[in-house]
Every structure is written in structure tokens, then in C-alpha cells.
Amino acid sequence: MTQQEKTRERLKKLIIESLNLEGMTPEMIENDAPLFGDGLGLDSVDALELVVALEKEFSIRIEGEETTREAFASVSAMAAFIDGLNE
């Protein structure tokens, strides 16, 4: 399993746990599906909760709305963003 695959799995579990998505499993979240809108259906409140959870889980600091918007497009985008910060 590559580093990005490991990060994607951690992210899926974190999304489910931090947002209390009952009845969802990591397998139900597609790597490239949109997290907001028609995809997973997250909203701006979910985004704030997710930022806090990500900063805590990965010991990172997330700043900048434009960066965040691109990075939060999908699980794959988020994994690439986080792995890039940790390099």
C-alpha cells in the first residue's frame, strides 16, 4: 500500500468519525467523488469540522480558502494535499 493509499484510508475513517456519518463505511466513499454538493453531500459546517479534525489527526495547519477549496474537492485531492504538507 502506497503512502497516498494509506492517507486516503485514514481520511475516509476520519471523515466518517468526525462528521458522525452513521451507516457509512470507508469503502462507500469513492476516492475521486466530490465531497461537497452532489458527491458526499458535505456542507460548510462539515468543512469547518473536517479542518479541525485534519489539523489534529495529521498535526498540520490548514490556511487559505482557495487552497482549501481545491484540496477538499475529493479524498484523493485531500490525500495529495496532506502528503504534500508532510514532505
PDB file of N, CA and C in Angstrom:
ATOM      1  N   MET A   1       0.848  -1.181   0.000  1.00  0.00           N
ATOM      2  CA  MET A   1       0.000   0.000   0.000  1.00  0.00           C
ATOM      3  C   MET A   1       0.895   1.246   0.000  1.00  0.00           C
ATOM      4  N   THR A   2       0.636   2.164  -0.917  1.00  0.00           N
ATOM      5  CA  THR A   2       1.441   3.380  -1.010  1.00  0.00           C
ATOM      6  C   THR A   2       1.064   4.357   0.106  1.00  0.00           C
ATOM      7  N   GLN A   3       1.896   5.380   0.277  1.00  0.00           N
ATOM      8  CA  GLN A   3       1.616   6.392   1.296  1.00  0.00           C
ATOM      9  C   GLN A   3       0.282   7.084   1.021  1.00  0.00           C
ATOM     10  N   GLN A   4       0.025   7.401  -0.246  1.00  0.00           N
ATOM     11  CA  GLN A   4      -1.229   8.086  -0.561  1.00  0.00           C
ATOM     12  C   GLN A   4      -2.444   7.186  -0.299  1.00  0.00           C
ATOM     13  N   GLU A   5      -2.307   5.893  -0.558  1.00  0.00           N
ATOM     14  CA  GLU A   5      -3.403   4.955  -0.267  1.00  0.00           C
ATOM     15  C   GLU A   5      -3.669   4.896   1.236  1.00  0.00           C
ATOM     16  N   LYS A   6      -2.601   4.883   2.031  1.00  0.00           N
ATOM     17  CA  LYS A   6      -2.748   4.885   3.490  1.00  0.00           C
ATOM     18  C   LYS A   6      -3.421   6.166   3.955  1.00  0.00           C
ATOM     19  N   THR A   7      -3.006   7.291   3.387  1.00  0.00           N
ATOM     20  CA  THR A   7      -3.595   8.579   3.756  1.00  0.00           C
ATOM     21  C   THR A   7      -5.072   8.617   3.379  1.00  0.00           C
ATOM     22  N   ARG A   8      -5.416   8.103   2.203  1.00  0.00           N
ATOM     23  CA  ARG A   8      -6.827   8.083   1.777  1.00  0.00           C
ATOM     24  C   ARG A   8      -7.676   7.274   2.756  1.00  0.00           C
ATOM     25  N   GLU A   9      -7.163   6.132   3.203  1.00  0.00           N
ATOM     26  CA  GLU A   9      -7.915   5.306   4.152  1.00  0.00           C
ATOM     27  C   GLU A   9      -8.085   6.023   5.488  1.00  0.00           C
ATOM     28  N   ARG A  10      -7.026   6.664   5.970  1.00  0.00           N
ATOM     29  CA  ARG A  10      -7.122   7.442   7.212  1.00  0.00           C
ATOM     30  C   ARG A  10      -8.150   8.557   7.064  1.00  0.00           C
ATOM     31  N   LEU A  11      -8.135   9.219   5.913  1.00  0.00           N
ATOM     32  CA  LEU A  11      -9.071  10.315   5.665  1.00  0.00           C
ATOM     33  C   LEU A  11     -10.517   9.835   5.662  1.00  0.00           C
ATOM     34  N   LYS A  12     -10.775   8.729   5.014  1.00  0.00           N
ATOM     35  CA  LYS A  12     -12.137   8.203   4.955  1.00  0.00           C
ATOM     36  C   LYS A  12     -12.655   7.887   6.353  1.00  0.00           C
ATOM     37  N   LYS A  13     -11.822   7.250   7.158  1.00  0.00           N
ATOM     38  CA  LYS A  13     -12.217   6.935   8.532  1.00  0.00           C
ATOM     39  C   LYS A  13     -12.439   8.212   9.329  1.00  0.00           C
ATOM     40  N   LEU A  14     -11.560   9.186   9.140  1.00  0.00           N
ATOM     41  CA  LEU A  14     -11.668  10.459   9.842  1.00  0.00           C
ATOM     42  C   LEU A  14     -12.941  11.205   9.450  1.00  0.00           C
ATOM     43  N   ILE A  15     -13.269  11.209   8.175  1.00  0.00           N
ATOM     44  CA  ILE A  15     -14.492  11.868   7.705  1.00  0.00           C
ATOM     45  C   ILE A  15     -15.710  11.241   8.373  1.00  0.00           C
ATOM     46  N   ILE A  16     -15.765   9.937   8.374  1.00  0.00           N
ATOM     47  CA  ILE A  16     -16.905   9.227   8.961  1.00  0.00           C
ATOM     48  C   ILE A  16     -17.002   9.489  10.462  1.00  0.00           C
ATOM     49  N   GLU A  17     -15.872   9.389  11.163  1.00  0.00           N
ATOM     50  CA  GLU A  17     -15.881   9.566  12.615  1.00  0.00           C
ATOM     51  C   GLU A  17     -16.133  11.015  13.026  1.00  0.00           C
ATOM     52  N   SER A  18     -15.431  11.954  12.422  1.00  0.00           N
ATOM     53  CA  SER A  18     -15.541  13.349  12.856  1.00  0.00           C
ATOM     54  C   SER A  18     -16.871  13.987  12.474  1.00  0.00           C
ATOM     55  N   LEU A  19     -17.497  13.504  11.408  1.00  0.00           N
ATOM     56  CA  LEU A  19     -18.771  14.061  10.969  1.00  0.00           C
ATOM     57  C   LEU A  19     -19.957  13.180  11.357  1.00  0.00           C
ATOM     58  N   ASN A  20     -19.691  12.124  12.116  1.00  0.00           N
ATOM     59  CA  ASN A  20     -20.739  11.215  12.597  1.00  0.00           C
ATOM     60  C   ASN A  20     -21.644  10.719  11.473  1.00  0.00           C
ATOM     61  N   LEU A  21     -21.022  10.223  10.409  1.00  0.00           N
ATOM     62  CA  LEU A  21     -21.785   9.707   9.264  1.00  0.00           C
ATOM     63  C   LEU A  21     -22.186   8.252   9.537  1.00  0.00           C
ATOM     64  N   GLU A  22     -23.248   8.110  10.287  1.00  0.00           N
ATOM     65  CA  GLU A  22     -23.704   6.781  10.701  1.00  0.00           C
ATOM     66  C   GLU A  22     -24.113   5.947   9.491  1.00  0.00           C
ATOM     67  N   GLY A  23     -23.765   4.672   9.553  1.00  0.00           N
ATOM     68  CA  GLY A  23     -24.129   3.757   8.482  1.00  0.00           C
ATOM     69  C   GLY A  23     -23.176   3.780   7.302  1.00  0.00           C
ATOM     70  N   MET A  24     -22.165   4.655   7.339  1.00  0.00           N
ATOM     71  CA  MET A  24     -21.191   4.723   6.238  1.00  0.00           C
ATOM     72  C   MET A  24     -19.937   3.946   6.604  1.00  0.00           C
ATOM     73  N   THR A  25     -19.319   3.381   5.594  1.00  0.00           N
ATOM     74  CA  THR A  25     -18.036   2.706   5.774  1.00  0.00           C
ATOM     75  C   THR A  25     -17.030   3.375   4.834  1.00  0.00           C
ATOM     76  N   PRO A  26     -15.727   3.233   5.112  1.00  0.00           N
ATOM     77  CA  PRO A  26     -14.729   3.821   4.218  1.00  0.00           C
ATOM     78  C   PRO A  26     -14.888   3.360   2.772  1.00  0.00           C
ATOM     79  N   GLU A  27     -15.320   2.127   2.577  1.00  0.00           N
ATOM     80  CA  GLU A  27     -15.482   1.585   1.230  1.00  0.00           C
ATOM     81  C   GLU A  27     -16.570   2.313   0.448  1.00  0.00           C
ATOM     82  N   MET A  28     -17.498   2.953   1.143  1.00  0.00           N
ATOM     83  CA  MET A  28     -18.611   3.640   0.495  1.00  0.00           C
ATOM     84  C   MET A  28     -18.201   5.019  -0.050  1.00  0.00           C
ATOM     85  N   ILE A  29     -17.044   5.517   0.375  1.00  0.00           N
ATOM     86  CA  ILE A  29     -16.575   6.818  -0.083  1.00  0.00           C
ATOM     87  C   ILE A  29     -15.589   6.608  -1.220  1.00  0.00           C
ATOM     88  N   GLU A  30     -15.938   7.073  -2.405  1.00  0.00           N
ATOM     89  CA  GLU A  30     -15.055   6.923  -3.560  1.00  0.00           C
ATOM     90  C   GLU A  30     -13.923   7.937  -3.483  1.00  0.00           C
ATOM     91  N   ASN A  31     -12.743   7.516  -3.900  1.00  0.00           N
ATOM     92  CA  ASN A  31     -11.555   8.372  -3.818  1.00  0.00           C
ATOM     93  C   ASN A  31     -11.701   9.684  -4.587  1.00  0.00           C
ATOM     94  N   ASP A  32     -12.323   9.637  -5.759  1.00  0.00           N
ATOM     95  CA  ASP A  32     -12.395  10.819  -6.614  1.00  0.00           C
ATOM     96  C   ASP A  32     -13.769  11.477  -6.655  1.00  0.00           C
ATOM     97  N   ALA A  33     -14.705  10.992  -5.842  1.00  0.00           N
ATOM     98  CA  ALA A  33     -16.039  11.594  -5.804  1.00  0.00           C
ATOM     99  C   ALA A  33     -15.976  12.930  -5.061  1.00  0.00           C
ATOM    100  N   PRO A  34     -16.765  13.909  -5.498  1.00  0.00           N
ATOM    101  CA  PRO A  34     -16.788  15.200  -4.794  1.00  0.00           C
ATOM    102  C   PRO A  34     -17.259  15.016  -3.350  1.00  0.00           C
ATOM    103  N   LEU A  35     -16.640  15.750  -2.436  1.00  0.00           N
ATOM    104  CA  LEU A  35     -17.047  15.663  -1.037  1.00  0.00           C
ATOM    105  C   LEU A  35     -18.230  16.574  -0.748  1.00  0.00           C
ATOM    106  N   PHE A  36     -18.359  17.640  -1.538  1.00  0.00           N
ATOM    107  CA  PHE A  36     -19.422  18.611  -1.308  1.00  0.00           C
ATOM    108  C   PHE A  36     -20.429  18.568  -2.450  1.00  0.00           C
ATOM    109  N   GLY A  37     -21.620  19.076  -2.210  1.00  0.00           N
ATOM    110  CA  GLY A  37     -22.645  19.113  -3.252  1.00  0.00           C
ATOM    111  C   GLY A  37     -23.171  17.739  -3.587  1.00  0.00           C
ATOM    112  N   ASP A  38     -23.145  17.402  -4.872  1.00  0.00           N
ATOM    113  CA  ASP A  38     -23.742  16.159  -5.346  1.00  0.00           C
ATOM    114  C   ASP A  38     -23.003  14.902  -4.916  1.00  0.00           C
ATOM    115  N   GLY A  39     -21.763  15.026  -4.490  1.00  0.00           N
ATOM    116  CA  GLY A  39     -20.987  13.851  -4.083  1.00  0.00           C
ATOM    117  C   GLY A  39     -21.437  13.327  -2.733  1.00  0.00           C
ATOM    118  N   LEU A  40     -20.588  13.493  -1.743  1.00  0.00           N
ATOM    119  CA  LEU A  40     -20.880  13.015  -0.396  1.00  0.00           C
ATOM    120  C   LEU A  40     -21.910  13.904   0.294  1.00  0.00           C
ATOM    121  N   GLY A  41     -22.084  15.116  -0.222  1.00  0.00           N
ATOM    122  CA  GLY A  41     -23.120  15.998   0.305  1.00  0.00           C
ATOM    123  C   GLY A  41     -22.721  16.799   1.530  1.00  0.00           C
ATOM    124  N   LEU A  42     -21.426  17.005   1.735  1.00  0.00           N
ATOM    125  CA  LEU A  42     -20.977  17.793   2.878  1.00  0.00           C
ATOM    126  C   LEU A  42     -21.289  19.272   2.649  1.00  0.00           C
ATOM    127  N   ASP A  43     -21.378  20.032   3.759  1.00  0.00           N
ATOM    128  CA  ASP A  43     -21.642  21.465   3.651  1.00  0.00           C
ATOM    129  C   ASP A  43     -20.548  22.254   4.364  1.00  0.00           C
ATOM    130  N   SER A  44     -20.726  23.568   4.476  1.00  0.00           N
ATOM    131  CA  SER A  44     -19.682  24.428   5.044  1.00  0.00           C
ATOM    132  C   SER A  44     -19.414  24.122   6.515  1.00  0.00           C
ATOM    133  N   VAL A  45     -20.420  23.744   7.261  1.00  0.00           N
ATOM    134  CA  VAL A  45     -20.215  23.377   8.666  1.00  0.00           C
ATOM    135  C   VAL A  45     -19.367  22.105   8.741  1.00  0.00           C
ATOM    136  N   ASP A  46     -19.654  21.152   7.872  1.00  0.00           N
ATOM    137  CA  ASP A  46     -18.852  19.925   7.809  1.00  0.00           C
ATOM    138  C   ASP A  46     -17.408  20.263   7.471  1.00  0.00           C
ATOM    139  N   ALA A  47     -17.213  21.224   6.571  1.00  0.00           N
ATOM    140  CA  ALA A  47     -15.860  21.615   6.170  1.00  0.00           C
ATOM    141  C   ALA A  47     -15.071  22.135   7.372  1.00  0.00           C
ATOM    142  N   LEU A  48     -15.701  22.978   8.182  1.00  0.00           N
ATOM    143  CA  LEU A  48     -15.025  23.502   9.374  1.00  0.00           C
ATOM    144  C   LEU A  48     -14.663  22.393  10.346  1.00  0.00           C
ATOM    145  N   GLU A  49     -15.591  21.490  10.587  1.00  0.00           N
ATOM    146  CA  GLU A  49     -15.337  20.364  11.482  1.00  0.00           C
ATOM    147  C   GLU A  49     -14.217  19.485  10.937  1.00  0.00           C
ATOM    148  N   LEU A  50     -14.209  19.302   9.637  1.00  0.00           N
ATOM    149  CA  LEU A  50     -13.196  18.477   8.993  1.00  0.00           C
ATOM    150  C   LEU A  50     -11.815  19.113   9.083  1.00  0.00           C
ATOM    151  N   VAL A  51     -11.720  20.421   8.914  1.00  0.00           N
ATOM    152  CA  VAL A  51     -10.439  21.113   9.039  1.00  0.00           C
ATOM    153  C   VAL A  51      -9.859  20.902  10.438  1.00  0.00           C
ATOM    154  N   VAL A  52     -10.693  21.066  11.457  1.00  0.00           N
ATOM    155  CA  VAL A  52     -10.238  20.873  12.839  1.00  0.00           C
ATOM    156  C   VAL A  52      -9.755  19.440  13.045  1.00  0.00           C
ATOM    157  N   ALA A  53     -10.522  18.480  12.551  1.00  0.00           N
ATOM    158  CA  ALA A  53     -10.148  17.068  12.702  1.00  0.00           C
ATOM    159  C   ALA A  53      -8.852  16.746  11.955  1.00  0.00           C
ATOM    160  N   LEU A  54      -8.695  17.302  10.750  1.00  0.00           N
ATOM    161  CA  LEU A  54      -7.479  17.063   9.957  1.00  0.00           C
ATOM    162  C   LEU A  54      -6.251  17.653  10.636  1.00  0.00           C
ATOM    163  N   GLU A  55      -6.387  18.872  11.135  1.00  0.00           N
ATOM    164  CA  GLU A  55      -5.253  19.516  11.802  1.00  0.00           C
ATOM    165  C   GLU A  55      -4.810  18.702  13.009  1.00  0.00           C
ATOM    166  N   LYS A  56      -5.768  18.164  13.733  1.00  0.00           N
ATOM    167  CA  LYS A  56      -5.458  17.357  14.916  1.00  0.00           C
ATOM    168  C   LYS A  56      -4.855  16.003  14.532  1.00  0.00           C
ATOM    169  N   GLU A  57      -5.485  15.322  13.604  1.00  0.00           N
ATOM    170  CA  GLU A  57      -5.059  13.971  13.191  1.00  0.00           C
ATOM    171  C   GLU A  57      -3.682  13.959  12.536  1.00  0.00           C
ATOM    172  N   PHE A  58      -3.422  14.938  11.673  1.00  0.00           N
ATOM    173  CA  PHE A  58      -2.189  14.930  10.883  1.00  0.00           C
ATOM    174  C   PHE A  58      -1.149  15.941  11.375  1.00  0.00           C
ATOM    175  N   SER A  59      -1.448  16.642  12.476  1.00  0.00           N
ATOM    176  CA  SER A  59      -0.534  17.653  13.036  1.00  0.00           C
ATOM    177  C   SER A  59      -0.103  18.661  11.974  1.00  0.00           C
ATOM    178  N   ILE A  60      -1.100  19.216  11.286  1.00  0.00           N
ATOM    179  CA  ILE A  60      -0.841  20.197  10.237  1.00  0.00           C
ATOM    180  C   ILE A  60      -1.636  21.466  10.531  1.00  0.00           C
ATOM    181  N   ARG A  61      -1.349  22.509   9.783  1.00  0.00           N
ATOM    182  CA  ARG A  61      -2.095  23.773   9.878  1.00  0.00           C
ATOM    183  C   ARG A  61      -2.636  24.073   8.486  1.00  0.00           C
ATOM    184  N   ILE A  62      -3.945  24.226   8.371  1.00  0.00           N
ATOM    185  CA  ILE A  62      -4.584  24.483   7.084  1.00  0.00           C
ATOM    186  C   ILE A  62      -5.029  25.938   7.051  1.00  0.00           C
ATOM    187  N   GLU A  63      -4.520  26.679   6.068  1.00  0.00           N
ATOM    188  CA  GLU A  63      -4.865  28.090   5.926  1.00  0.00           C
ATOM    189  C   GLU A  63      -5.139  28.408   4.461  1.00  0.00           C
ATOM    190  N   GLY A  64      -5.920  29.438   4.221  1.00  0.00           N
ATOM    191  CA  GLY A  64      -6.164  29.888   2.848  1.00  0.00           C
ATOM    192  C   GLY A  64      -7.360  29.221   2.224  1.00  0.00           C
ATOM    193  N   GLU A  65      -8.380  30.010   1.922  1.00  0.00           N
ATOM    194  CA  GLU A  65      -9.625  29.462   1.391  1.00  0.00           C
ATOM    195  C   GLU A  65      -9.464  28.812   0.020  1.00  0.00           C
ATOM    196  N   GLU A  66      -8.696  29.432  -0.869  1.00  0.00           N
ATOM    197  CA  GLU A  66      -8.530  28.867  -2.209  1.00  0.00           C
ATOM    198  C   GLU A  66      -7.811  27.524  -2.164  1.00  0.00           C
ATOM    199  N   THR A  67      -6.759  27.456  -1.379  1.00  0.00           N
ATOM    200  CA  THR A  67      -6.021  26.196  -1.225  1.00  0.00           C
ATOM    201  C   THR A  67      -6.940  25.117  -0.674  1.00  0.00           C
ATOM    202  N   THR A  68      -7.702  25.481   0.331  1.00  0.00           N
ATOM    203  CA  THR A  68      -8.575  24.520   0.984  1.00  0.00           C
ATOM    204  C   THR A  68      -9.661  24.025   0.046  1.00  0.00           C
ATOM    205  N   ARG A  69     -10.221  24.923  -0.727  1.00  0.00           N
ATOM    206  CA  ARG A  69     -11.298  24.539  -1.654  1.00  0.00           C
ATOM    207  C   ARG A  69     -10.806  23.474  -2.637  1.00  0.00           C
ATOM    208  N   GLU A  70      -9.628  23.679  -3.216  1.00  0.00           N
ATOM    209  CA  GLU A  70      -9.064  22.693  -4.150  1.00  0.00           C
ATOM    210  C   GLU A  70      -8.712  21.404  -3.431  1.00  0.00           C
ATOM    211  N   ALA A  71      -8.110  21.536  -2.261  1.00  0.00           N
ATOM    212  CA  ALA A  71      -7.653  20.360  -1.514  1.00  0.00           C
ATOM    213  C   ALA A  71      -8.817  19.506  -1.024  1.00  0.00           C
ATOM    214  N   PHE A  72      -9.984  20.126  -0.801  1.00  0.00           N
ATOM    215  CA  PHE A  72     -11.130  19.399  -0.269  1.00  0.00           C
ATOM    216  C   PHE A  72     -12.081  18.914  -1.359  1.00  0.00           C
ATOM    217  N   ALA A  73     -11.648  18.940  -2.596  1.00  0.00           N
ATOM    218  CA  ALA A  73     -12.507  18.523  -3.707  1.00  0.00           C
ATOM    219  C   ALA A  73     -12.899  17.052  -3.607  1.00  0.00           C
ATOM    220  N   SER A  74     -11.961  16.202  -3.195  1.00  0.00           N
ATOM    221  CA  SER A  74     -12.211  14.761  -3.088  1.00  0.00           C
ATOM    222  C   SER A  74     -11.231  14.172  -2.085  1.00  0.00           C
ATOM    223  N   VAL A  75     -11.417  12.918  -1.752  1.00  0.00           N
ATOM    224  CA  VAL A  75     -10.488  12.238  -0.839  1.00  0.00           C
ATOM    225  C   VAL A  75      -9.095  12.185  -1.458  1.00  0.00           C
ATOM    226  N   SER A  76      -9.011  11.914  -2.759  1.00  0.00           N
ATOM    227  CA  SER A  76      -7.703  11.858  -3.428  1.00  0.00           C
ATOM    228  C   SER A  76      -7.000  13.211  -3.380  1.00  0.00           C
ATOM    229  N   ALA A  77      -7.747  14.290  -3.639  1.00  0.00           N
ATOM    230  CA  ALA A  77      -7.158  15.630  -3.597  1.00  0.00           C
ATOM    231  C   ALA A  77      -6.681  15.963  -2.188  1.00  0.00           C
ATOM    232  N   MET A  78      -7.477  15.591  -1.196  1.00  0.00           N
ATOM    233  CA  MET A  78      -7.116  15.859   0.193  1.00  0.00           C
ATOM    234  C   MET A  78      -5.868  15.070   0.596  1.00  0.00           C
ATOM    235  N   ALA A  79      -5.776  13.820   0.162  1.00  0.00           N
ATOM    236  CA  ALA A  79      -4.607  12.996   0.475  1.00  0.00           C
ATOM    237  C   ALA A  79      -3.348  13.587  -0.156  1.00  0.00           C
ATOM    238  N   ALA A  80      -3.442  14.036  -1.398  1.00  0.00           N
ATOM    239  CA  ALA A  80      -2.291  14.640  -2.073  1.00  0.00           C
ATOM    240  C   ALA A  80      -1.867  15.925  -1.351  1.00  0.00           C
ATOM    241  N   PHE A  81      -2.835  16.727  -0.923  1.00  0.00           N
ATOM    242  CA  PHE A  81      -2.580  17.961  -0.205  1.00  0.00           C
ATOM    243  C   PHE A  81      -1.843  17.673   1.114  1.00  0.00           C
ATOM    244  N   ILE A  82      -2.373  16.728   1.891  1.00  0.00           N
ATOM    245  CA  ILE A  82      -1.780  16.391   3.194  1.00  0.00           C
ATOM    246  C   ILE A  82      -0.405  15.784   3.034  1.00  0.00           C
ATOM    247  N   ASP A  83      -0.254  14.857   2.092  1.00  0.00           N
ATOM    248  CA  ASP A  83       1.047  14.238   1.866  1.00  0.00           C
ATOM    249  C   ASP A  83       2.050  15.282   1.405  1.00  0.00           C
ATOM    250  N   GLY A  84       1.608  16.263   0.637  1.00  0.00           N
ATOM    251  CA  GLY A  84       2.481  17.355   0.190  1.00  0.00           C
ATOM    252  C   GLY A  84       2.948  18.208   1.338  1.00  0.00           C
ATOM    253  N   LEU A  85       2.098  18.439   2.332  1.00  0.00           N
ATOM    254  CA  LEU A  85       2.478  19.229   3.506  1.00  0.00           C
ATOM    255  C   LEU A  85       3.488  18.489   4.378  1.00  0.00           C
ATOM    256  N   ASN A  86       3.390  17.174   4.365  1.00  0.00           N
ATOM    257  CA  ASN A  86       4.258  16.371   5.232  1.00  0.00           C
ATOM    258  C   ASN A  86       5.573  15.965   4.588  1.00  0.00           C
ATOM    259  N   GLU A  87       5.829  16.433   3.380  1.00  0.00           N
ATOM    260  CA  GLU A  87       7.077  16.043   2.693  1.00  0.00           C
ATOM    261  C   GLU A  87       8.240  16.860   3.192  1.00  0.00           C
TER     262      GLU A  87
END
